[in-house]
Amino acid sequence: MRLSSSGTLRAIHGVGPSGPIWTVGNDGLAARFDGTKWTVLRTGVAQDLYGVWVTAADDVWAVGDAGTVVHWDGAAWTVIPTGITARLTGIWGPPGGGDPIVVGGSRTVLRLTVAGPQPVLPTDLDVPLFDSPKAIDGASADDLWIVDREAALHFDGAAWSVPDFGLTFGDALYDAWPAGDGFTYVLLHRAEGTFLARRGPSGVGYLPLPLGGSIDGAGTTVWTLSYRSLYRYAHDPLAVFP
């Protein structure tokens, strides 16, 4: 499917097969897909937006340049002041609502609370090359993923780890979607192109894709966003991938 817009799209998220899907991009662009058509709903900010999180039709968050955080309440967008100045590239919140977590430049991983942004990662966590997280997503609070260009962090509810996706020199991770039951999809850029990589109990597989910059899923559907087009892949844990 294709969205007619002059802006570049950078992130996508939805609340399930029957819920709305939102995408955001350059110059504060936001658009909602209701299952039939796209509607552009400008956020009122000029900053580029890199991450979006949807928990309900009246609870949508988006983040972007210069610490920008905006919230949709079902009727209008509101700018949320946080004091963050780094570029924010991803946001995630617990299913059903709760304080969201934002990630971005300068190793920013912060939970947005009424008392202000609070650190999420332990101070003694040492992950080489983990400097500017690109994205965050989770199937639940005990299946949370944070992706940087050269590393993916996973939280299982008790501890953080760095799972292996078979990265080689020059590879770059850009986004992740945990499908649950031990399966996680990541968007991987290599010299030979873009791939949808799936990590599961039997290892890692790679599916070539058109150039893309964001991934998300709902139920058994994996969505990848390529600037102005969406691509779907049917997740089947029993099928050979790809």
Protein backbone atom coordinates (compact mmCIF):
# COMPACT_ATOMS: atom_id res chain seq x y z
CA MET A 1 0.00 0.00 0.00
CA ARG A 2 1.15 3.53 -0.66
CA LEU A 3 0.66 6.83 1.17
CA SER A 4 0.42 9.90 -1.05
CA SER A 5 2.55 12.50 0.71
CA SER A 6 5.50 14.68 -0.12
CA GLY A 7 7.18 13.80 3.18
CA THR A 8 9.59 10.98 3.99
CA LEU A 9 8.21 8.34 6.38
CA ARG A 10 10.52 6.98 9.05
CA ALA A 11 8.57 4.87 11.57
CA ILE A 12 5.39 2.83 11.88
CA HIS A 13 3.34 1.30 14.70
CA GLY A 14 -0.19 0.02 15.31
CA VAL A 15 -2.32 -1.55 18.01
CA GLY A 16 -3.23 -4.81 16.31
CA PRO A 17 -5.09 -6.12 13.26
CA SER A 18 -8.24 -4.09 14.02
CA GLY A 19 -6.62 -0.95 15.40
CA PRO A 20 -5.23 2.10 13.61
CA ILE A 21 -1.71 2.15 12.19
CA TRP A 22 0.34 5.34 12.51
CA THR A 23 3.43 6.42 10.64
CA VAL A 24 5.61 9.52 11.17
CA GLY A 25 8.39 11.24 9.29
CA ASN A 26 10.06 14.45 8.24
CA ASP A 27 8.89 17.95 9.23
CA GLY A 28 6.49 16.70 11.90
CA LEU A 29 4.53 14.52 9.47
CA ALA A 30 2.11 12.00 11.00
CA ALA A 31 -0.47 9.87 9.19
CA ARG A 32 -3.08 7.35 10.37
CA PHE A 33 -4.36 4.30 8.46
CA ASP A 34 -7.84 3.15 9.57
CA GLY A 35 -7.92 -0.02 7.48
CA THR A 36 -9.32 1.77 4.43
CA LYS A 37 -7.55 5.05 3.88
CA TRP A 38 -4.68 7.21 5.10
CA THR A 39 -5.30 10.53 6.84
CA VAL A 40 -2.48 13.03 7.35
CA LEU A 41 -2.63 14.63 10.83
CA ARG A 42 0.19 17.13 11.27
CA THR A 43 1.73 17.21 14.72
CA GLY A 44 2.33 20.97 14.74
CA VAL A 45 6.11 20.61 15.13
CA ALA A 46 8.73 21.22 12.45
CA GLN A 47 11.24 18.63 13.71
CA ASP A 48 11.75 15.34 11.90
CA LEU A 49 10.09 12.44 13.75
CA TYR A 50 11.83 9.05 13.97
CA GLY A 51 9.70 6.96 16.31
CA VAL A 52 6.01 6.33 17.04
CA TRP A 53 4.19 4.22 19.63
CA VAL A 54 0.46 3.46 19.71
CA THR A 55 -1.35 1.96 22.71
CA ALA A 56 -4.91 2.98 21.76
CA ALA A 57 -6.78 5.17 19.29
CA ASP A 58 -6.49 8.04 21.78
CA ASP A 59 -2.96 7.34 23.03
CA VAL A 60 -0.22 7.83 20.43
CA TRP A 61 3.33 9.04 21.07
CA ALA A 62 5.95 10.26 18.60
CA VAL A 63 9.56 11.39 19.07
CA GLY A 64 12.20 13.11 16.99
CA ASP A 65 14.93 15.71 16.65
CA ALA A 66 16.07 17.90 19.57
CA GLY A 67 14.30 15.78 22.18
CA THR A 68 10.88 16.31 20.59
CA VAL A 69 8.03 14.32 22.19
CA VAL A 70 4.41 14.74 21.05
CA HIS A 71 1.23 12.97 22.15
CA TRP A 72 -2.09 12.36 20.35
CA ASP A 73 -5.18 12.13 22.60
CA GLY A 74 -7.66 11.18 19.90
CA ALA A 75 -8.40 14.77 18.93
CA ALA A 76 -5.15 16.75 18.79
CA TRP A 77 -1.38 16.57 19.17
CA THR A 78 0.33 18.10 22.22
CA VAL A 79 4.04 18.80 22.71
CA ILE A 80 5.36 17.15 25.89
CA PRO A 81 8.30 19.04 27.47
CA THR A 82 10.99 16.67 28.82
CA GLY A 83 14.23 18.63 28.98
CA ILE A 84 15.86 16.10 26.63
CA THR A 85 18.01 17.67 23.91
CA ALA A 86 19.33 14.58 22.09
CA ARG A 87 17.72 13.29 18.90
CA LEU A 88 15.13 10.68 19.90
CA THR A 89 14.79 7.80 17.45
CA GLY A 90 12.47 5.35 19.18
CA ILE A 91 9.74 5.02 21.80
CA TRP A 92 7.98 2.07 23.46
CA GLY A 93 5.43 1.70 26.23
CA PRO A 94 3.99 -1.27 28.13
CA PRO A 95 0.96 -2.92 26.48
CA GLY A 96 -2.18 -1.36 27.92
CA GLY A 97 -0.46 1.93 28.73
CA GLY A 98 2.12 3.16 31.20
CA ASP A 99 5.25 5.30 31.22
CA PRO A 100 6.95 5.07 27.80
CA ILE A 101 10.69 4.60 27.25
CA VAL A 102 12.53 6.73 24.69
CA VAL A 103 15.90 6.03 23.04
CA GLY A 104 18.24 8.13 20.94
CA GLY A 105 21.56 9.91 20.63
CA SER A 106 24.19 10.16 23.36
CA ARG A 107 23.17 6.71 24.64
CA THR A 108 19.76 8.03 25.65
CA VAL A 109 17.51 5.35 27.18
CA LEU A 110 15.02 7.08 29.48
CA ARG A 111 11.61 6.34 30.94
CA LEU A 112 9.24 9.33 30.79
CA THR A 113 7.57 9.74 34.18
CA VAL A 114 5.62 12.51 35.89
CA ALA A 115 8.80 13.21 37.88
CA GLY A 116 10.82 13.61 34.67
CA PRO A 117 12.97 11.28 32.54
CA GLN A 118 14.49 8.36 34.51
CA PRO A 119 17.43 6.09 33.46
CA VAL A 120 16.55 2.58 32.31
CA LEU A 121 19.89 0.84 31.70
CA PRO A 122 22.05 -0.19 34.68
CA THR A 123 25.10 2.04 35.11
CA ASP A 124 27.46 -0.96 34.97
CA LEU A 125 26.16 -2.24 31.63
CA ASP A 126 29.15 -2.26 29.26
CA VAL A 127 28.27 -2.86 25.59
CA PRO A 128 30.94 -1.79 23.07
CA LEU A 129 29.67 0.35 20.17
CA PHE A 130 26.32 0.95 21.89
CA ASP A 131 26.28 4.75 21.70
CA SER A 132 23.17 5.93 19.83
CA PRO A 133 20.21 3.51 20.08
CA LYS A 134 18.06 3.56 16.95
CA ALA A 135 14.88 1.82 18.07
CA ILE A 136 13.06 0.08 20.90
CA ASP A 137 10.23 -2.44 20.91
CA GLY A 138 8.87 -5.14 23.15
CA ALA A 139 6.32 -7.93 23.20
CA SER A 140 6.04 -7.32 26.95
CA ALA A 141 7.99 -5.81 29.85
CA ASP A 142 10.04 -9.03 30.01
CA ASP A 143 10.72 -9.22 26.26
CA LEU A 144 12.16 -5.79 25.46
CA TRP A 145 14.62 -4.99 22.66
CA ILE A 146 16.80 -1.91 22.06
CA VAL A 147 18.66 -1.72 18.76
CA ASP A 148 21.82 0.23 18.01
CA ARG A 149 23.65 0.18 14.71
CA GLU A 150 26.03 -2.61 15.75
CA ALA A 151 24.28 -4.27 18.69
CA ALA A 152 20.87 -5.36 19.94
CA LEU A 153 20.10 -5.43 23.67
CA HIS A 154 17.44 -7.73 25.12
CA PHE A 155 15.78 -7.53 28.54
CA ASP A 156 14.06 -10.69 29.80
CA GLY A 157 12.57 -9.15 32.91
CA ALA A 158 15.63 -9.86 35.03
CA ALA A 159 18.79 -8.99 33.08
CA TRP A 160 20.09 -7.45 29.86
CA SER A 161 21.93 -9.51 27.22
CA VAL A 162 23.35 -9.04 23.71
CA PRO A 163 21.89 -11.76 21.42
CA ASP A 164 23.74 -12.78 18.25
CA PHE A 165 22.26 -11.86 14.87
CA GLY A 166 25.25 -13.02 12.84
CA LEU A 167 26.49 -9.50 12.13
CA THR A 168 29.63 -9.05 10.05
CA PHE A 169 31.83 -6.00 9.49
CA GLY A 170 29.82 -3.15 7.97
CA ASP A 171 26.40 -4.52 8.92
CA ALA A 172 23.95 -2.11 10.55
CA LEU A 173 20.80 -2.78 12.57
CA TYR A 174 17.98 -0.23 12.37
CA ASP A 175 14.87 -1.65 14.01
CA ALA A 176 13.38 -4.72 15.69
CA TRP A 177 10.03 -6.39 16.32
CA PRO A 178 9.70 -9.23 18.84
CA ALA A 179 7.03 -11.64 17.63
CA GLY A 180 7.00 -13.57 20.92
CA ASP A 181 7.71 -17.24 21.69
CA GLY A 182 11.43 -16.70 21.15
CA PHE A 183 11.19 -15.08 17.69
CA THR A 184 12.47 -11.59 16.89
CA TYR A 185 12.71 -9.78 13.55
CA VAL A 186 15.27 -7.05 12.87
CA LEU A 187 15.87 -4.74 9.94
CA LEU A 188 19.45 -5.24 8.77
CA HIS A 189 21.40 -3.20 6.23
CA ARG A 190 24.38 -4.85 4.48
CA ALA A 191 26.60 -3.83 1.59
CA GLU A 192 24.51 -6.01 -0.73
CA GLY A 193 21.17 -4.56 0.40
CA THR A 194 18.50 -4.53 3.10
CA PHE A 195 17.31 -7.69 4.84
CA LEU A 196 14.61 -8.79 7.23
CA ALA A 197 16.44 -11.02 9.69
CA ARG A 198 14.57 -13.45 11.95
CA ARG A 199 16.14 -14.87 15.10
CA GLY A 200 14.46 -17.94 16.54
CA PRO A 201 15.19 -21.15 18.42
CA SER A 202 16.84 -22.70 15.34
CA GLY A 203 19.07 -19.72 14.45
CA VAL A 204 18.99 -16.64 12.22
CA GLY A 205 17.62 -16.35 8.66
CA TYR A 206 17.69 -13.43 6.19
CA LEU A 207 15.08 -12.26 3.68
CA PRO A 208 16.08 -9.60 1.07
CA LEU A 209 13.90 -6.47 1.10
CA PRO A 210 13.51 -3.19 -0.79
CA LEU A 211 15.35 -0.36 0.95
CA GLY A 212 13.57 0.29 4.23
CA GLY A 213 13.97 2.05 7.54
CA SER A 214 11.41 0.68 10.00
CA ILE A 215 9.74 -2.55 11.06
CA ASP A 216 6.77 -3.47 13.23
CA GLY A 217 4.20 -6.20 13.56
CA ALA A 218 0.88 -7.30 14.97
CA GLY A 219 -0.32 -10.85 15.50
CA THR A 220 1.18 -12.87 12.64
CA THR A 221 1.88 -9.91 10.35
CA VAL A 222 5.28 -8.24 10.05
CA TRP A 223 5.29 -4.74 8.54
CA THR A 224 8.31 -3.08 6.97
CA LEU A 225 8.27 0.58 5.97
CA SER A 226 10.17 1.79 2.92
CA TYR A 227 9.83 5.57 2.79
CA ARG A 228 6.33 5.77 1.20
CA SER A 229 5.43 2.08 0.87
CA LEU A 230 4.51 -0.71 3.29
CA TYR A 231 5.40 -4.38 2.87
CA ARG A 232 3.87 -7.30 4.75
CA TYR A 233 5.33 -10.66 5.71
CA ALA A 234 3.30 -13.45 7.35
CA HIS A 235 5.06 -14.70 10.50
CA ASP A 236 4.80 -18.47 10.88
CA PRO A 237 7.02 -19.99 13.59
CA LEU A 238 6.70 -23.43 11.97
CA ALA A 239 7.76 -22.26 8.50
CA VAL A 240 11.31 -22.24 7.20
CA PHE A 241 12.59 -18.66 6.99
CA PRO A 242 12.89 -17.18 4.43
